[in-house]
Amino acid sequence: MSQPVITSTGPVVTLFESYGSGAEQVGTRVAELLGVQFLSQQYSSEMLEQASAHQQDSEDGFLMRFFKRFGQPSVEHLDNILIPSDQQDDQQVVAGINRTLLDFTAGGGVVLGRNGTVVLAGNPKALHVKLDGSVERRVARAAELAGIDPERAARRQINEDEGRSAMALRLYNWDPRDDKYYDVIVNTDRLSPEAAAQIIVAGVKAKSESVAS
């Protein structure tokens, strides 16, 4: 089924990162350069780490443990909905995420995570970006930015890359690790956040011109 056409009055960028690719820094800078707002991920690395730490205490899978500990990906427009345990609950969650992202990007915006790649796929001018890199460099960068030891960052890398993909597969039936969903893939191993941001901004302009032609 084709995506409905979504319009916005300003530039839109969706970002997905493999853990430790520097998306928070890059996304913030992209938003500054484009003159729009930045919306970060709803769930932090710390929250995903805490959910994983309770693996031995529950027979549930990672995703259900996470929802039980922190709640579903609820948004401002949804109150008191249940932990997603069946298709109807999942549909409520998806509807809330969709409304939030459509509202946020109506005037343009940069969205990190939140399944923005598929939610905003119907916006012909939106640039969909994946930030990636070698596991070794990503772990080292994450450890430095978070002020944690490399061993802990390495554990986070496994938990987070798997956990975020599990949520995407459950709620939107897409695997964010699959490169086919993105317009641009940026390897941040040897790029500063500024350099990566400049590449993405250039991509925004190029895609806008391509759609207009």
Protein backbone atom coordinates (compact mmCIF):
# COMPACT_ATOMS: atom_id res chain seq x y z
CA MET A 1 0.00 0.00 0.00
CA SER A 2 1.42 3.38 -0.99
CA GLN A 3 2.14 6.05 1.59
CA PRO A 4 -0.15 9.11 1.65
CA VAL A 5 1.54 12.31 0.53
CA ILE A 6 2.62 14.42 3.51
CA THR A 7 3.49 18.08 3.14
CA SER A 8 5.49 20.41 5.36
CA THR A 9 6.43 24.06 5.08
CA GLY A 10 10.07 23.53 6.00
CA PRO A 11 12.84 20.96 5.53
CA VAL A 12 12.41 17.58 7.18
CA VAL A 13 15.14 15.10 8.09
CA THR A 14 14.71 11.73 9.76
CA LEU A 15 17.72 10.13 11.43
CA PHE A 16 18.35 6.61 12.56
CA GLU A 17 21.65 5.65 14.13
CA SER A 18 23.46 2.51 14.97
CA TYR A 19 24.45 2.97 18.61
CA GLY A 20 27.36 5.34 19.04
CA SER A 21 27.21 6.98 15.62
CA GLY A 22 26.83 10.45 17.13
CA ALA A 23 23.28 11.16 15.98
CA GLU A 24 22.41 13.46 18.89
CA GLN A 25 25.29 15.80 18.04
CA VAL A 26 24.80 15.53 14.30
CA GLY A 27 21.03 15.95 14.47
CA THR A 28 21.26 19.00 16.70
CA ARG A 29 23.68 20.62 14.28
CA VAL A 30 21.56 19.76 11.24
CA ALA A 31 18.56 21.41 12.89
CA GLU A 32 20.61 24.52 13.60
CA LEU A 33 21.83 24.75 10.01
CA LEU A 34 18.32 24.26 8.62
CA GLY A 35 16.68 26.60 11.12
CA VAL A 36 14.22 24.01 12.42
CA GLN A 37 13.64 22.17 15.70
CA PHE A 38 15.26 18.90 16.75
CA LEU A 39 13.31 16.03 18.32
CA SER A 40 15.47 13.46 20.07
CA GLN A 41 14.74 9.79 20.70
CA GLN A 42 12.05 9.03 23.22
CA TYR A 43 14.00 6.36 25.05
CA SER A 44 17.56 6.90 26.21
CA SER A 45 20.45 4.45 26.29
CA GLU A 46 20.13 4.40 30.07
CA MET A 47 16.50 3.27 29.88
CA LEU A 48 17.31 0.50 27.41
CA GLU A 49 20.21 -0.57 29.61
CA GLN A 50 18.00 -0.78 32.69
CA ALA A 51 15.45 -2.90 30.87
CA SER A 52 18.14 -5.29 29.69
CA ALA A 53 19.54 -5.59 33.22
CA HIS A 54 16.26 -7.16 34.36
CA GLN A 55 16.49 -9.98 31.83
CA GLN A 56 17.18 -12.57 34.52
CA ASP A 57 14.12 -11.51 36.50
CA SER A 58 11.56 -12.15 33.79
CA GLU A 59 10.66 -14.71 31.19
CA ASP A 60 9.37 -11.96 28.91
CA GLY A 61 11.29 -10.95 25.81
CA PHE A 62 13.34 -7.76 25.79
CA LEU A 63 10.60 -5.60 24.25
CA MET A 64 7.93 -6.58 26.75
CA ARG A 65 10.35 -6.14 29.67
CA PHE A 66 11.11 -2.68 28.38
CA PHE A 67 7.45 -1.69 28.02
CA LYS A 68 6.65 -3.05 31.48
CA ARG A 69 9.45 -1.02 33.04
CA PHE A 70 9.06 2.25 31.17
CA GLY A 71 5.69 2.11 29.46
CA GLN A 72 4.82 2.09 25.77
CA PRO A 73 6.04 4.80 23.38
CA SER A 74 3.28 7.12 24.52
CA VAL A 75 3.09 10.76 23.50
CA GLU A 76 1.41 13.95 24.68
CA HIS A 77 -1.84 13.11 22.94
CA LEU A 78 -2.27 9.68 24.56
CA ASP A 79 -3.09 9.10 28.21
CA ASN A 80 -3.34 5.88 30.17
CA ILE A 81 -3.13 3.44 27.28
CA LEU A 82 -2.06 -0.07 28.08
CA ILE A 83 1.30 -1.70 27.62
CA PRO A 84 1.11 -3.06 24.07
CA SER A 85 0.06 -6.65 24.50
CA ASP A 86 -2.06 -7.17 21.41
CA GLN A 87 -2.68 -5.70 18.00
CA GLN A 88 -5.23 -3.14 19.18
CA ASP A 89 -2.84 -1.71 21.78
CA ASP A 90 -0.04 -1.52 19.23
CA GLN A 91 -2.31 0.38 16.85
CA GLN A 92 -3.01 2.96 19.56
CA VAL A 93 0.70 3.45 20.11
CA VAL A 94 1.39 3.79 16.39
CA ALA A 95 -1.41 6.33 16.00
CA GLY A 96 0.06 8.43 18.79
CA ILE A 97 3.58 8.34 17.37
CA ASN A 98 2.25 9.27 13.93
CA ARG A 99 0.34 12.28 15.23
CA THR A 100 3.31 13.55 17.21
CA LEU A 101 5.71 13.36 14.28
CA LEU A 102 3.28 14.85 11.79
CA ASP A 103 2.57 17.75 14.14
CA PHE A 104 6.23 18.27 14.95
CA THR A 105 7.36 18.36 11.33
CA ALA A 106 4.49 20.40 9.93
CA GLY A 107 6.81 23.41 9.76
CA GLY A 108 9.93 21.33 9.20
CA GLY A 109 12.10 19.51 11.70
CA VAL A 110 14.81 16.96 12.38
CA VAL A 111 13.64 13.74 14.04
CA LEU A 112 15.94 11.17 15.63
CA GLY A 113 14.50 7.69 15.87
CA ARG A 114 10.80 7.33 16.72
CA ASN A 115 10.31 5.38 13.46
CA GLY A 116 10.33 8.68 11.61
CA THR A 117 11.80 7.01 8.53
CA VAL A 118 8.58 5.12 7.87
CA VAL A 119 6.11 7.52 9.49
CA LEU A 120 7.29 10.36 7.23
CA ALA A 121 7.99 8.26 4.16
CA GLY A 122 5.07 9.97 2.43
CA ASN A 123 6.79 13.36 2.55
CA PRO A 124 8.49 13.59 -0.87
CA LYS A 125 11.01 16.19 0.32
CA ALA A 126 11.95 14.52 3.60
CA LEU A 127 15.51 13.22 3.67
CA HIS A 128 15.91 9.88 5.40
CA VAL A 129 19.38 9.36 6.85
CA LYS A 130 21.14 6.51 8.60
CA LEU A 131 24.27 7.14 10.64
CA ASP A 132 26.54 4.15 10.99
CA GLY A 133 30.14 3.10 11.47
CA SER A 134 32.36 0.30 12.68
CA VAL A 135 31.36 -1.30 15.97
CA GLU A 136 34.76 -0.51 17.47
CA ARG A 137 34.59 3.19 16.68
CA ARG A 138 30.94 3.49 17.69
CA VAL A 139 31.60 1.88 21.06
CA ALA A 140 34.62 4.12 21.66
CA ARG A 141 32.66 7.26 20.77
CA ALA A 142 29.70 6.26 22.93
CA ALA A 143 31.96 5.56 25.91
CA GLU A 144 33.60 8.96 25.55
CA LEU A 145 30.36 10.91 25.14
CA ALA A 146 28.56 9.11 27.99
CA GLY A 147 31.56 9.04 30.32
CA ILE A 148 31.39 5.28 30.76
CA ASP A 149 33.96 2.51 30.33
CA PRO A 150 34.27 0.77 26.95
CA GLU A 151 33.02 -2.54 28.34
CA ARG A 152 29.76 -0.97 29.42
CA ALA A 153 29.43 0.84 26.11
CA ALA A 154 29.98 -2.47 24.29
CA ARG A 155 27.12 -4.04 26.23
CA ARG A 156 24.92 -1.06 25.46
CA GLN A 157 25.74 -1.37 21.77
CA ILE A 158 24.37 -4.90 21.60
CA ASN A 159 21.30 -4.16 23.74
CA GLU A 160 20.43 -0.90 22.03
CA ASP A 161 20.90 -1.96 18.43
CA GLU A 162 18.78 -5.05 19.07
CA GLY A 163 16.20 -3.28 21.26
CA ARG A 164 15.46 -0.39 18.94
CA SER A 165 15.17 -2.74 15.97
CA ALA A 166 12.78 -4.97 17.95
CA MET A 167 10.49 -2.02 18.70
CA ALA A 168 10.52 -0.94 15.05
CA LEU A 169 9.69 -4.44 13.85
CA ARG A 170 6.88 -4.86 16.32
CA LEU A 171 5.20 -1.50 15.88
CA TYR A 172 5.87 -0.71 12.21
CA ASN A 173 7.03 -4.00 10.68
CA TRP A 174 10.28 -2.53 9.36
CA ASP A 175 13.89 -3.25 10.15
CA PRO A 176 15.88 -0.02 10.53
CA ARG A 177 19.09 -1.96 9.91
CA ASP A 178 18.03 -2.45 6.27
CA ASP A 179 19.68 0.22 4.13
CA LYS A 180 16.90 0.29 1.53
CA TYR A 181 14.84 2.71 3.63
CA TYR A 182 17.37 5.55 3.53
CA ASP A 183 18.30 8.25 1.03
CA VAL A 184 21.71 8.83 2.59
CA ILE A 185 23.95 6.63 4.73
CA VAL A 186 26.74 8.46 6.54
CA ASN A 187 29.69 6.61 8.05
CA THR A 188 30.76 8.79 10.96
CA ASP A 189 33.97 6.88 11.74
CA ARG A 190 36.15 9.60 10.25
CA LEU A 191 33.72 12.51 10.11
CA SER A 192 33.18 15.18 12.74
CA PRO A 193 29.58 16.00 13.70
CA GLU A 194 29.95 19.23 11.73
CA ALA A 195 31.14 17.44 8.60
CA ALA A 196 28.34 14.86 8.84
CA ALA A 197 25.79 17.63 9.35
CA GLN A 198 27.04 19.50 6.29
CA ILE A 199 26.67 16.36 4.17
CA ILE A 200 23.09 15.89 5.37
CA VAL A 201 22.16 19.53 4.74
CA ALA A 202 23.53 19.21 1.21
CA GLY A 203 21.38 16.09 0.81
CA VAL A 204 18.29 18.00 1.90
CA LYS A 205 18.89 20.60 -0.79
CA ALA A 206 19.63 18.00 -3.44
CA LYS A 207 16.50 15.98 -2.72
CA SER A 208 14.31 19.09 -2.65
CA GLU A 209 15.66 20.15 -6.04
CA SER A 210 15.18 16.63 -7.40
CA VAL A 211 11.54 16.51 -6.30
CA ALA A 212 10.88 19.98 -7.74
CA SER A 213 12.36 19.18 -11.16
